[in-house]
Amino acid sequence: MSRHTHDFVNNYDEGKIAFGLDRETDEKSLIAYLQKFTDDEMMQVLVKRLSDDDISGILDYVLGILKKHLKEEEYHRIFLKDKTKGLH
């Protein structure tokens, strides 16, 4: 059984990926866009073309967002899918 999912993008109307219309559309579009970006096939192609600076920049940005918006328990439970760590 897979721990990670990308179900949203498979069920979302790709014709509705747009930004700047309204908050709800922005949120749904962001989910779909990021899930497309992190698709296994996409990552296999892209990761080999990224510079070390690109990798560091992406990692720094993502970790900064996670640290800003998730509690430690949420980071372990939701992002890492680790149900045993981060619980107090």
N, C-alpha and C. Protein backbone atom coordinates (compact mmCIF):
# COMPACT_ATOMS: atom_id res chain seq x y z
N MET A 1 0.84 -1.19 0.00
CA MET A 1 0.00 0.00 0.00
C MET A 1 0.88 1.25 0.00
N SER A 2 0.60 2.16 -0.90
CA SER A 2 1.36 3.38 -1.03
C SER A 2 1.00 4.38 0.06
N ARG A 3 2.02 5.01 0.62
CA ARG A 3 1.77 6.00 1.67
C ARG A 3 1.47 7.37 1.08
N HIS A 4 2.01 7.68 -0.07
CA HIS A 4 1.83 9.00 -0.68
C HIS A 4 0.82 8.92 -1.81
N THR A 5 0.07 10.00 -1.99
CA THR A 5 -0.95 10.02 -3.02
C THR A 5 -0.84 11.28 -3.87
N HIS A 6 -1.36 11.20 -5.05
CA HIS A 6 -1.52 12.34 -5.94
C HIS A 6 -2.90 12.23 -6.61
N ASP A 7 -3.90 11.91 -5.83
CA ASP A 7 -5.23 11.68 -6.37
C ASP A 7 -5.90 12.94 -6.91
N PHE A 8 -5.63 14.08 -6.28
CA PHE A 8 -6.33 15.30 -6.66
C PHE A 8 -6.15 15.61 -8.15
N VAL A 9 -4.92 15.59 -8.62
CA VAL A 9 -4.64 15.95 -10.01
C VAL A 9 -5.31 14.98 -10.99
N ASN A 10 -5.48 13.74 -10.59
CA ASN A 10 -6.11 12.76 -11.47
C ASN A 10 -7.61 12.98 -11.60
N ASN A 11 -8.19 13.70 -10.66
CA ASN A 11 -9.64 13.93 -10.68
C ASN A 11 -10.01 15.38 -10.98
N TYR A 12 -9.04 16.26 -11.06
CA TYR A 12 -9.30 17.68 -11.27
C TYR A 12 -9.34 18.00 -12.75
N ASP A 13 -10.24 18.88 -13.14
CA ASP A 13 -10.37 19.32 -14.53
C ASP A 13 -9.16 20.20 -14.86
N GLU A 14 -8.23 19.65 -15.65
CA GLU A 14 -6.99 20.36 -15.94
C GLU A 14 -7.22 21.67 -16.69
N GLY A 15 -8.37 21.81 -17.31
CA GLY A 15 -8.69 23.05 -17.99
C GLY A 15 -8.92 24.19 -17.01
N LYS A 16 -9.04 23.86 -15.73
CA LYS A 16 -9.28 24.88 -14.72
C LYS A 16 -8.03 25.25 -13.94
N ILE A 17 -6.85 24.91 -14.44
CA ILE A 17 -5.62 25.34 -13.78
C ILE A 17 -5.36 26.77 -14.22
N ALA A 18 -5.62 27.67 -13.29
CA ALA A 18 -5.45 29.10 -13.56
C ALA A 18 -5.17 29.80 -12.24
N PHE A 19 -4.46 30.89 -12.31
CA PHE A 19 -4.12 31.65 -11.11
C PHE A 19 -4.58 33.09 -11.26
N GLY A 20 -5.01 33.67 -10.13
CA GLY A 20 -5.40 35.07 -10.11
C GLY A 20 -6.88 35.32 -10.28
N LEU A 21 -7.67 34.26 -10.44
CA LEU A 21 -9.12 34.44 -10.59
C LEU A 21 -9.80 34.63 -9.25
N ASP A 22 -9.56 33.69 -8.35
CA ASP A 22 -10.11 33.75 -6.99
C ASP A 22 -9.32 32.77 -6.12
N ARG A 23 -9.46 32.89 -4.83
CA ARG A 23 -8.66 32.07 -3.90
C ARG A 23 -8.92 30.58 -4.08
N GLU A 24 -10.18 30.18 -4.23
CA GLU A 24 -10.51 28.76 -4.36
C GLU A 24 -9.85 28.15 -5.61
N THR A 25 -9.93 28.86 -6.73
CA THR A 25 -9.31 28.37 -7.96
C THR A 25 -7.79 28.34 -7.81
N ASP A 26 -7.22 29.37 -7.16
CA ASP A 26 -5.77 29.39 -6.92
C ASP A 26 -5.34 28.18 -6.10
N GLU A 27 -6.08 27.87 -5.04
CA GLU A 27 -5.72 26.73 -4.18
C GLU A 27 -5.78 25.42 -4.95
N LYS A 28 -6.87 25.20 -5.67
CA LYS A 28 -7.02 23.95 -6.43
C LYS A 28 -5.98 23.87 -7.55
N SER A 29 -5.73 24.99 -8.20
CA SER A 29 -4.73 25.01 -9.28
C SER A 29 -3.34 24.72 -8.74
N LEU A 30 -3.01 25.27 -7.56
CA LEU A 30 -1.71 25.02 -6.96
C LEU A 30 -1.52 23.53 -6.64
N ILE A 31 -2.55 22.92 -6.07
CA ILE A 31 -2.47 21.48 -5.77
C ILE A 31 -2.23 20.70 -7.05
N ALA A 32 -3.03 20.96 -8.07
CA ALA A 32 -2.89 20.22 -9.34
C ALA A 32 -1.52 20.47 -9.97
N TYR A 33 -1.08 21.71 -9.98
CA TYR A 33 0.20 22.08 -10.60
C TYR A 33 1.37 21.41 -9.90
N LEU A 34 1.37 21.44 -8.56
CA LEU A 34 2.46 20.82 -7.82
C LEU A 34 2.45 19.30 -7.94
N GLN A 35 1.26 18.71 -7.98
CA GLN A 35 1.19 17.26 -8.16
C GLN A 35 1.70 16.86 -9.55
N LYS A 36 1.40 17.67 -10.56
CA LYS A 36 1.95 17.41 -11.89
C LYS A 36 3.47 17.56 -11.88
N PHE A 37 3.96 18.58 -11.19
CA PHE A 37 5.39 18.83 -11.09
C PHE A 37 6.12 17.67 -10.44
N THR A 38 5.53 17.07 -9.40
CA THR A 38 6.20 16.00 -8.67
C THR A 38 5.83 14.60 -9.16
N ASP A 39 5.19 14.52 -10.29
CA ASP A 39 4.91 13.22 -10.91
C ASP A 39 6.23 12.45 -11.10
N ASP A 40 6.22 11.18 -10.86
CA ASP A 40 7.45 10.37 -10.92
C ASP A 40 8.19 10.53 -12.25
N GLU A 41 7.47 10.44 -13.37
CA GLU A 41 8.12 10.56 -14.68
C GLU A 41 8.73 11.96 -14.85
N MET A 42 7.98 12.98 -14.44
CA MET A 42 8.48 14.35 -14.54
C MET A 42 9.76 14.53 -13.73
N MET A 43 9.76 14.02 -12.52
CA MET A 43 10.93 14.17 -11.64
C MET A 43 12.13 13.42 -12.18
N GLN A 44 11.92 12.25 -12.78
CA GLN A 44 13.04 11.49 -13.34
C GLN A 44 13.74 12.27 -14.45
N VAL A 45 12.97 13.01 -15.23
CA VAL A 45 13.55 13.82 -16.30
C VAL A 45 14.19 15.08 -15.72
N LEU A 46 13.47 15.78 -14.87
CA LEU A 46 13.91 17.09 -14.40
C LEU A 46 15.10 17.04 -13.46
N VAL A 47 15.09 16.10 -12.52
CA VAL A 47 16.11 16.08 -11.46
C VAL A 47 17.53 15.97 -12.04
N LYS A 48 17.68 15.28 -13.13
CA LYS A 48 19.00 15.13 -13.74
C LYS A 48 19.49 16.43 -14.37
N ARG A 49 18.58 17.35 -14.64
CA ARG A 49 18.92 18.61 -15.29
C ARG A 49 19.10 19.77 -14.31
N LEU A 50 18.75 19.54 -13.05
CA LEU A 50 18.86 20.59 -12.05
C LEU A 50 20.31 20.78 -11.61
N SER A 51 20.70 22.02 -11.43
CA SER A 51 22.02 22.30 -10.88
C SER A 51 21.98 22.07 -9.37
N ASP A 52 23.15 22.03 -8.76
CA ASP A 52 23.22 21.92 -7.30
C ASP A 52 22.50 23.11 -6.65
N ASP A 53 22.66 24.30 -7.24
CA ASP A 53 21.97 25.49 -6.73
C ASP A 53 20.46 25.37 -6.87
N ASP A 54 20.00 24.80 -7.98
CA ASP A 54 18.56 24.58 -8.16
C ASP A 54 18.02 23.67 -7.06
N ILE A 55 18.72 22.58 -6.81
CA ILE A 55 18.30 21.62 -5.79
C ILE A 55 18.27 22.27 -4.42
N SER A 56 19.33 22.99 -4.08
CA SER A 56 19.38 23.68 -2.79
C SER A 56 18.27 24.71 -2.66
N GLY A 57 18.03 25.46 -3.73
CA GLY A 57 16.99 26.48 -3.70
C GLY A 57 15.61 25.90 -3.49
N ILE A 58 15.30 24.82 -4.20
CA ILE A 58 13.99 24.17 -4.05
C ILE A 58 13.85 23.62 -2.63
N LEU A 59 14.88 22.94 -2.16
CA LEU A 59 14.84 22.36 -0.82
C LEU A 59 14.68 23.44 0.25
N ASP A 60 15.46 24.52 0.15
CA ASP A 60 15.36 25.61 1.11
C ASP A 60 13.95 26.22 1.12
N TYR A 61 13.39 26.42 -0.06
CA TYR A 61 12.06 27.01 -0.14
C TYR A 61 11.00 26.09 0.47
N VAL A 62 11.01 24.83 0.06
CA VAL A 62 10.00 23.89 0.56
C VAL A 62 10.12 23.70 2.07
N LEU A 63 11.34 23.51 2.56
CA LEU A 63 11.52 23.34 4.00
C LEU A 63 11.08 24.59 4.76
N GLY A 64 11.34 25.77 4.20
CA GLY A 64 10.91 27.01 4.83
C GLY A 64 9.39 27.09 4.94
N ILE A 65 8.70 26.71 3.86
CA ILE A 65 7.23 26.71 3.87
C ILE A 65 6.71 25.71 4.89
N LEU A 66 7.28 24.50 4.92
CA LEU A 66 6.84 23.49 5.87
C LEU A 66 7.06 23.95 7.31
N LYS A 67 8.22 24.51 7.58
CA LYS A 67 8.54 24.97 8.93
C LYS A 67 7.61 26.10 9.36
N LYS A 68 7.28 26.97 8.43
CA LYS A 68 6.42 28.12 8.72
C LYS A 68 4.97 27.71 9.01
N HIS A 69 4.48 26.68 8.33
CA HIS A 69 3.06 26.38 8.39
C HIS A 69 2.66 25.07 9.08
N LEU A 70 3.63 24.22 9.40
CA LEU A 70 3.30 22.95 10.05
C LEU A 70 3.92 22.87 11.44
N LYS A 71 3.17 22.32 12.36
CA LYS A 71 3.72 21.99 13.67
C LYS A 71 4.59 20.75 13.50
N GLU A 72 5.48 20.51 14.45
CA GLU A 72 6.39 19.36 14.34
C GLU A 72 5.61 18.05 14.15
N GLU A 73 4.55 17.87 14.92
CA GLU A 73 3.75 16.64 14.82
C GLU A 73 3.13 16.52 13.44
N GLU A 74 2.65 17.62 12.87
CA GLU A 74 2.06 17.59 11.53
C GLU A 74 3.11 17.26 10.48
N TYR A 75 4.30 17.82 10.64
CA TYR A 75 5.40 17.53 9.72
C TYR A 75 5.68 16.02 9.67
N HIS A 76 5.76 15.40 10.84
CA HIS A 76 6.03 13.96 10.90
C HIS A 76 4.85 13.14 10.41
N ARG A 77 3.66 13.50 10.84
CA ARG A 77 2.47 12.71 10.51
C ARG A 77 2.02 12.90 9.06
N ILE A 78 1.96 14.14 8.59
CA ILE A 78 1.39 14.42 7.28
C ILE A 78 2.44 14.37 6.18
N PHE A 79 3.59 15.04 6.39
CA PHE A 79 4.60 15.11 5.35
C PHE A 79 5.46 13.85 5.29
N LEU A 80 6.01 13.44 6.43
CA LEU A 80 6.87 12.26 6.45
C LEU A 80 6.09 10.95 6.50
N LYS A 81 4.80 11.04 6.82
CA LYS A 81 3.94 9.85 6.95
C LYS A 81 4.45 8.92 8.05
N ASP A 82 5.06 9.51 9.07
CA ASP A 82 5.60 8.76 10.21
C ASP A 82 4.65 8.96 11.38
N LYS A 83 3.94 7.93 11.71
CA LYS A 83 2.93 8.03 12.75
C LYS A 83 3.54 7.88 14.16
N THR A 84 4.84 7.58 14.26
CA THR A 84 5.43 7.32 15.57
C THR A 84 6.27 8.47 16.10
N LYS A 85 6.66 9.42 15.25
CA LYS A 85 7.54 10.51 15.68
C LYS A 85 6.77 11.82 15.79
N GLY A 86 7.31 12.70 16.59
CA GLY A 86 6.74 14.02 16.72
C GLY A 86 5.55 14.09 17.65
N LEU A 87 5.16 12.99 18.21
CA LEU A 87 4.03 12.99 19.14
C LEU A 87 4.54 13.18 20.56
N HIS A 88 3.88 14.05 21.30
CA HIS A 88 4.31 14.35 22.66
C HIS A 88 3.31 13.80 23.66
